[in-house]
Amino acid sequence: MYIQGPPGAQPAVFTSLPRMGSATPIRSICRYCGNYIITVTSPVPGVITWLLCTGLFVFGCVLGCCFLPFCVDSLMDVKHTCPVCRQELFRYHRL
């Protein structure tokens, strides 16, 4: 059974971002420019990166080895941006 909406009603448009993020690029509608896009991802230091760095420093990695978590992308948070307007849409937090 098909139910129609009121005459002249606009179809629903996806305008909000998903609540659960992802470390991989996702398809979305940019809330700033309104274009249908695939997000551009870039790694940024997050809580888990800083905790690992501090833990390594405390346990004796003082000659620069404590900065290794900043070189591993899978330990960093992920920033999603719009490829058209370059606005940050959301961040995926690992912790």
N, C-alpha and C. Protein backbone atom coordinates (compact mmCIF):
# COMPACT_ATOMS: atom_id res chain seq x y z
N MET A 1 0.83 -1.17 0.00
CA MET A 1 0.00 0.00 0.00
C MET A 1 0.88 1.24 0.00
N TYR A 2 0.63 2.15 -0.87
CA TYR A 2 1.40 3.37 -1.01
C TYR A 2 0.63 4.53 -0.40
N ILE A 3 1.28 5.27 0.51
CA ILE A 3 0.63 6.41 1.15
C ILE A 3 1.31 7.68 0.66
N GLN A 4 0.54 8.59 0.14
CA GLN A 4 1.09 9.85 -0.33
C GLN A 4 1.05 10.88 0.78
N GLY A 5 2.00 11.82 0.71
CA GLY A 5 2.02 12.93 1.65
C GLY A 5 1.06 14.01 1.17
N PRO A 6 0.99 15.13 1.88
CA PRO A 6 0.12 16.21 1.47
C PRO A 6 0.55 16.78 0.12
N PRO A 7 -0.40 17.33 -0.65
CA PRO A 7 -0.03 17.87 -1.96
C PRO A 7 0.98 19.01 -1.80
N GLY A 8 1.97 19.02 -2.66
CA GLY A 8 2.99 20.07 -2.66
C GLY A 8 4.10 19.82 -1.65
N ALA A 9 4.11 18.69 -0.96
CA ALA A 9 5.15 18.41 0.03
C ALA A 9 6.44 18.03 -0.68
N GLN A 10 7.55 18.47 -0.14
CA GLN A 10 8.86 18.16 -0.68
C GLN A 10 9.32 16.80 -0.16
N PRO A 11 10.06 16.04 -0.96
CA PRO A 11 10.58 14.77 -0.47
C PRO A 11 11.62 15.02 0.63
N ALA A 12 11.76 14.06 1.53
CA ALA A 12 12.72 14.19 2.62
C ALA A 12 14.14 14.17 2.06
N VAL A 13 14.98 15.04 2.58
CA VAL A 13 16.38 15.12 2.14
C VAL A 13 17.26 14.86 3.35
N PHE A 14 18.28 14.03 3.15
CA PHE A 14 19.23 13.71 4.22
C PHE A 14 20.11 14.93 4.44
N THR A 15 19.97 15.59 5.60
CA THR A 15 20.76 16.78 5.87
C THR A 15 21.65 16.66 7.09
N SER A 16 21.44 15.68 7.93
CA SER A 16 22.29 15.56 9.11
C SER A 16 23.33 14.48 8.88
N LEU A 17 24.39 14.55 9.66
CA LEU A 17 25.46 13.58 9.55
C LEU A 17 25.16 12.35 10.38
N PRO A 18 25.69 11.21 9.99
CA PRO A 18 25.45 10.01 10.78
C PRO A 18 26.05 10.14 12.18
N ARG A 19 25.42 9.53 13.15
CA ARG A 19 25.91 9.60 14.52
C ARG A 19 27.16 8.76 14.70
N MET A 20 27.20 7.63 14.05
CA MET A 20 28.38 6.78 14.14
C MET A 20 29.30 7.10 12.98
N GLY A 21 30.51 7.51 13.29
CA GLY A 21 31.46 7.86 12.26
C GLY A 21 32.21 6.65 11.77
N SER A 22 33.14 6.91 10.91
CA SER A 22 33.94 5.84 10.33
C SER A 22 35.33 6.39 10.04
N ALA A 23 36.31 5.51 10.04
CA ALA A 23 37.67 5.93 9.72
C ALA A 23 37.87 6.00 8.21
N THR A 24 36.92 5.48 7.44
CA THR A 24 37.01 5.52 5.98
C THR A 24 36.10 6.63 5.44
N PRO A 25 36.37 7.12 4.25
CA PRO A 25 35.51 8.16 3.67
C PRO A 25 34.08 7.66 3.51
N ILE A 26 33.12 8.55 3.74
CA ILE A 26 31.71 8.20 3.62
C ILE A 26 31.01 9.16 2.67
N ARG A 27 29.87 8.71 2.12
CA ARG A 27 29.04 9.57 1.27
C ARG A 27 28.10 10.35 2.17
N SER A 28 27.96 11.62 1.88
CA SER A 28 27.11 12.47 2.70
C SER A 28 26.73 13.71 1.92
N ILE A 29 25.85 14.49 2.49
CA ILE A 29 25.54 15.81 1.96
C ILE A 29 26.19 16.81 2.89
N CYS A 30 27.00 17.70 2.35
CA CYS A 30 27.70 18.69 3.15
C CYS A 30 26.69 19.67 3.73
N ARG A 31 26.77 19.89 5.03
CA ARG A 31 25.81 20.80 5.66
C ARG A 31 26.19 22.26 5.45
N TYR A 32 27.37 22.52 4.89
CA TYR A 32 27.80 23.90 4.63
C TYR A 32 27.50 24.34 3.20
N CYS A 33 27.87 23.49 2.22
CA CYS A 33 27.67 23.89 0.82
C CYS A 33 26.51 23.17 0.15
N GLY A 34 25.99 22.09 0.76
CA GLY A 34 24.83 21.38 0.23
C GLY A 34 25.13 20.39 -0.88
N ASN A 35 26.39 20.16 -1.21
CA ASN A 35 26.75 19.22 -2.27
C ASN A 35 26.76 17.79 -1.74
N TYR A 36 26.44 16.84 -2.63
CA TYR A 36 26.53 15.42 -2.32
C TYR A 36 27.98 15.03 -2.53
N ILE A 37 28.66 14.60 -1.47
CA ILE A 37 30.12 14.41 -1.52
C ILE A 37 30.53 13.07 -0.93
N ILE A 38 31.78 12.73 -1.16
CA ILE A 38 32.47 11.67 -0.43
C ILE A 38 33.54 12.39 0.37
N THR A 39 33.51 12.22 1.69
CA THR A 39 34.39 13.00 2.56
C THR A 39 35.86 12.69 2.31
N VAL A 40 36.70 13.68 2.60
CA VAL A 40 38.15 13.52 2.54
C VAL A 40 38.62 13.32 3.97
N THR A 41 39.39 12.27 4.22
CA THR A 41 39.83 11.97 5.57
C THR A 41 41.30 12.33 5.76
N SER A 42 41.63 12.74 6.97
CA SER A 42 43.03 13.00 7.33
C SER A 42 43.21 12.65 8.81
N PRO A 43 44.35 12.02 9.14
CA PRO A 43 44.60 11.65 10.53
C PRO A 43 45.00 12.87 11.36
N VAL A 44 44.49 12.95 12.59
CA VAL A 44 44.86 14.00 13.54
C VAL A 44 45.09 13.34 14.90
N PRO A 45 46.04 13.86 15.68
CA PRO A 45 46.29 13.28 17.00
C PRO A 45 45.07 13.38 17.89
N GLY A 46 44.80 12.31 18.60
CA GLY A 46 43.65 12.26 19.50
C GLY A 46 44.08 11.80 20.89
N VAL A 47 43.11 11.45 21.69
CA VAL A 47 43.36 11.07 23.08
C VAL A 47 44.24 9.83 23.16
N ILE A 48 43.94 8.82 22.36
CA ILE A 48 44.72 7.57 22.44
C ILE A 48 46.17 7.80 22.01
N THR A 49 46.40 8.68 21.06
CA THR A 49 47.76 8.99 20.61
C THR A 49 48.55 9.63 21.74
N TRP A 50 47.95 10.60 22.42
CA TRP A 50 48.63 11.28 23.52
C TRP A 50 48.83 10.35 24.72
N LEU A 51 47.87 9.47 24.99
CA LEU A 51 48.03 8.53 26.10
C LEU A 51 49.18 7.56 25.85
N LEU A 52 49.28 7.05 24.63
CA LEU A 52 50.38 6.14 24.29
C LEU A 52 51.72 6.86 24.34
N CYS A 53 51.77 8.09 23.86
CA CYS A 53 53.00 8.87 23.91
C CYS A 53 53.45 9.09 25.35
N THR A 54 52.51 9.46 26.21
CA THR A 54 52.83 9.69 27.62
C THR A 54 53.26 8.40 28.30
N GLY A 55 52.55 7.30 28.01
CA GLY A 55 52.92 6.01 28.59
C GLY A 55 54.31 5.56 28.17
N LEU A 56 54.64 5.73 26.92
CA LEU A 56 55.99 5.35 26.45
C LEU A 56 57.06 6.23 27.10
N PHE A 57 56.77 7.50 27.28
CA PHE A 57 57.73 8.41 27.92
C PHE A 57 57.96 8.01 29.38
N VAL A 58 56.89 7.67 30.08
CA VAL A 58 56.99 7.29 31.49
C VAL A 58 57.79 6.00 31.65
N PHE A 59 57.64 5.07 30.71
CA PHE A 59 58.34 3.79 30.81
C PHE A 59 59.72 3.81 30.17
N GLY A 60 60.27 4.97 29.89
CA GLY A 60 61.67 5.05 29.52
C GLY A 60 61.99 5.38 28.08
N CYS A 61 61.03 5.58 27.23
CA CYS A 61 61.31 5.93 25.84
C CYS A 61 61.44 7.45 25.72
N VAL A 62 62.57 7.98 26.21
CA VAL A 62 62.71 9.43 26.28
C VAL A 62 63.53 10.01 25.14
N LEU A 63 64.13 9.19 24.31
CA LEU A 63 64.98 9.69 23.23
C LEU A 63 64.24 9.85 21.91
N GLY A 64 62.95 9.97 21.95
CA GLY A 64 62.17 10.17 20.73
C GLY A 64 61.27 9.02 20.37
N CYS A 65 61.49 7.86 20.96
CA CYS A 65 60.64 6.70 20.67
C CYS A 65 59.22 6.91 21.17
N CYS A 66 59.04 7.82 22.14
CA CYS A 66 57.69 8.05 22.67
C CYS A 66 56.80 8.74 21.64
N PHE A 67 57.39 9.28 20.58
CA PHE A 67 56.60 9.95 19.54
C PHE A 67 56.15 9.01 18.42
N LEU A 68 56.43 7.72 18.53
CA LEU A 68 56.01 6.75 17.52
C LEU A 68 54.51 6.71 17.29
N PRO A 69 53.64 6.86 18.32
CA PRO A 69 52.19 6.84 18.05
C PRO A 69 51.73 7.93 17.08
N PHE A 70 52.49 9.01 16.94
CA PHE A 70 52.13 10.08 16.01
C PHE A 70 52.44 9.72 14.55
N CYS A 71 53.17 8.63 14.35
CA CYS A 71 53.51 8.18 12.99
C CYS A 71 52.60 7.05 12.51
N VAL A 72 51.76 6.52 13.38
CA VAL A 72 50.89 5.39 13.04
C VAL A 72 49.47 5.93 12.85
N ASP A 73 48.98 5.92 11.61
CA ASP A 73 47.65 6.47 11.31
C ASP A 73 46.52 5.73 12.01
N SER A 74 46.69 4.44 12.24
CA SER A 74 45.61 3.67 12.87
C SER A 74 45.45 3.99 14.36
N LEU A 75 46.37 4.75 14.94
CA LEU A 75 46.26 5.16 16.34
C LEU A 75 45.73 6.58 16.48
N MET A 76 45.50 7.24 15.36
CA MET A 76 45.07 8.63 15.40
C MET A 76 43.59 8.76 15.08
N ASP A 77 42.97 9.86 15.52
CA ASP A 77 41.59 10.16 15.16
C ASP A 77 41.53 10.53 13.68
N VAL A 78 40.34 10.53 13.10
CA VAL A 78 40.19 10.82 11.68
C VAL A 78 39.27 12.03 11.51
N LYS A 79 39.76 13.02 10.76
CA LYS A 79 38.97 14.22 10.49
C LYS A 79 38.37 14.10 9.11
N HIS A 80 37.04 14.29 9.01
CA HIS A 80 36.33 14.23 7.73
C HIS A 80 36.03 15.66 7.28
N THR A 81 36.44 15.99 6.05
CA THR A 81 36.19 17.32 5.51
C THR A 81 35.50 17.21 4.16
N CYS A 82 34.85 18.30 3.77
CA CYS A 82 34.18 18.38 2.46
C CYS A 82 35.23 18.72 1.41
N PRO A 83 35.28 17.99 0.28
CA PRO A 83 36.27 18.29 -0.75
C PRO A 83 35.95 19.58 -1.53
N VAL A 84 34.72 20.07 -1.44
CA VAL A 84 34.33 21.27 -2.18
C VAL A 84 34.62 22.53 -1.39
N CYS A 85 34.07 22.62 -0.18
CA CYS A 85 34.21 23.86 0.61
C CYS A 85 35.29 23.76 1.69
N ARG A 86 35.89 22.60 1.85
CA ARG A 86 36.98 22.35 2.80
C ARG A 86 36.60 22.55 4.27
N GLN A 87 35.32 22.49 4.60
CA GLN A 87 34.87 22.61 5.98
C GLN A 87 34.96 21.25 6.67
N GLU A 88 35.33 21.25 7.95
CA GLU A 88 35.35 20.01 8.71
C GLU A 88 33.93 19.61 9.06
N LEU A 89 33.55 18.39 8.69
CA LEU A 89 32.20 17.91 8.94
C LEU A 89 32.10 17.23 10.30
N PHE A 90 33.03 16.33 10.61
CA PHE A 90 33.05 15.69 11.92
C PHE A 90 34.36 14.95 12.08
N ARG A 91 34.59 14.46 13.28
CA ARG A 91 35.78 13.67 13.58
C ARG A 91 35.38 12.30 14.11
N TYR A 92 36.12 11.31 13.70
CA TYR A 92 35.95 9.96 14.21
C TYR A 92 36.98 9.78 15.32
N HIS A 93 36.52 9.58 16.56
CA HIS A 93 37.40 9.42 17.70
C HIS A 93 37.62 7.95 17.98
N ARG A 94 38.87 7.55 18.06
CA ARG A 94 39.20 6.14 18.31
C ARG A 94 38.93 5.74 19.75
N LEU A 95 38.99 6.68 20.66
CA LEU A 95 38.76 6.36 22.07
C LEU A 95 37.66 7.20 22.63
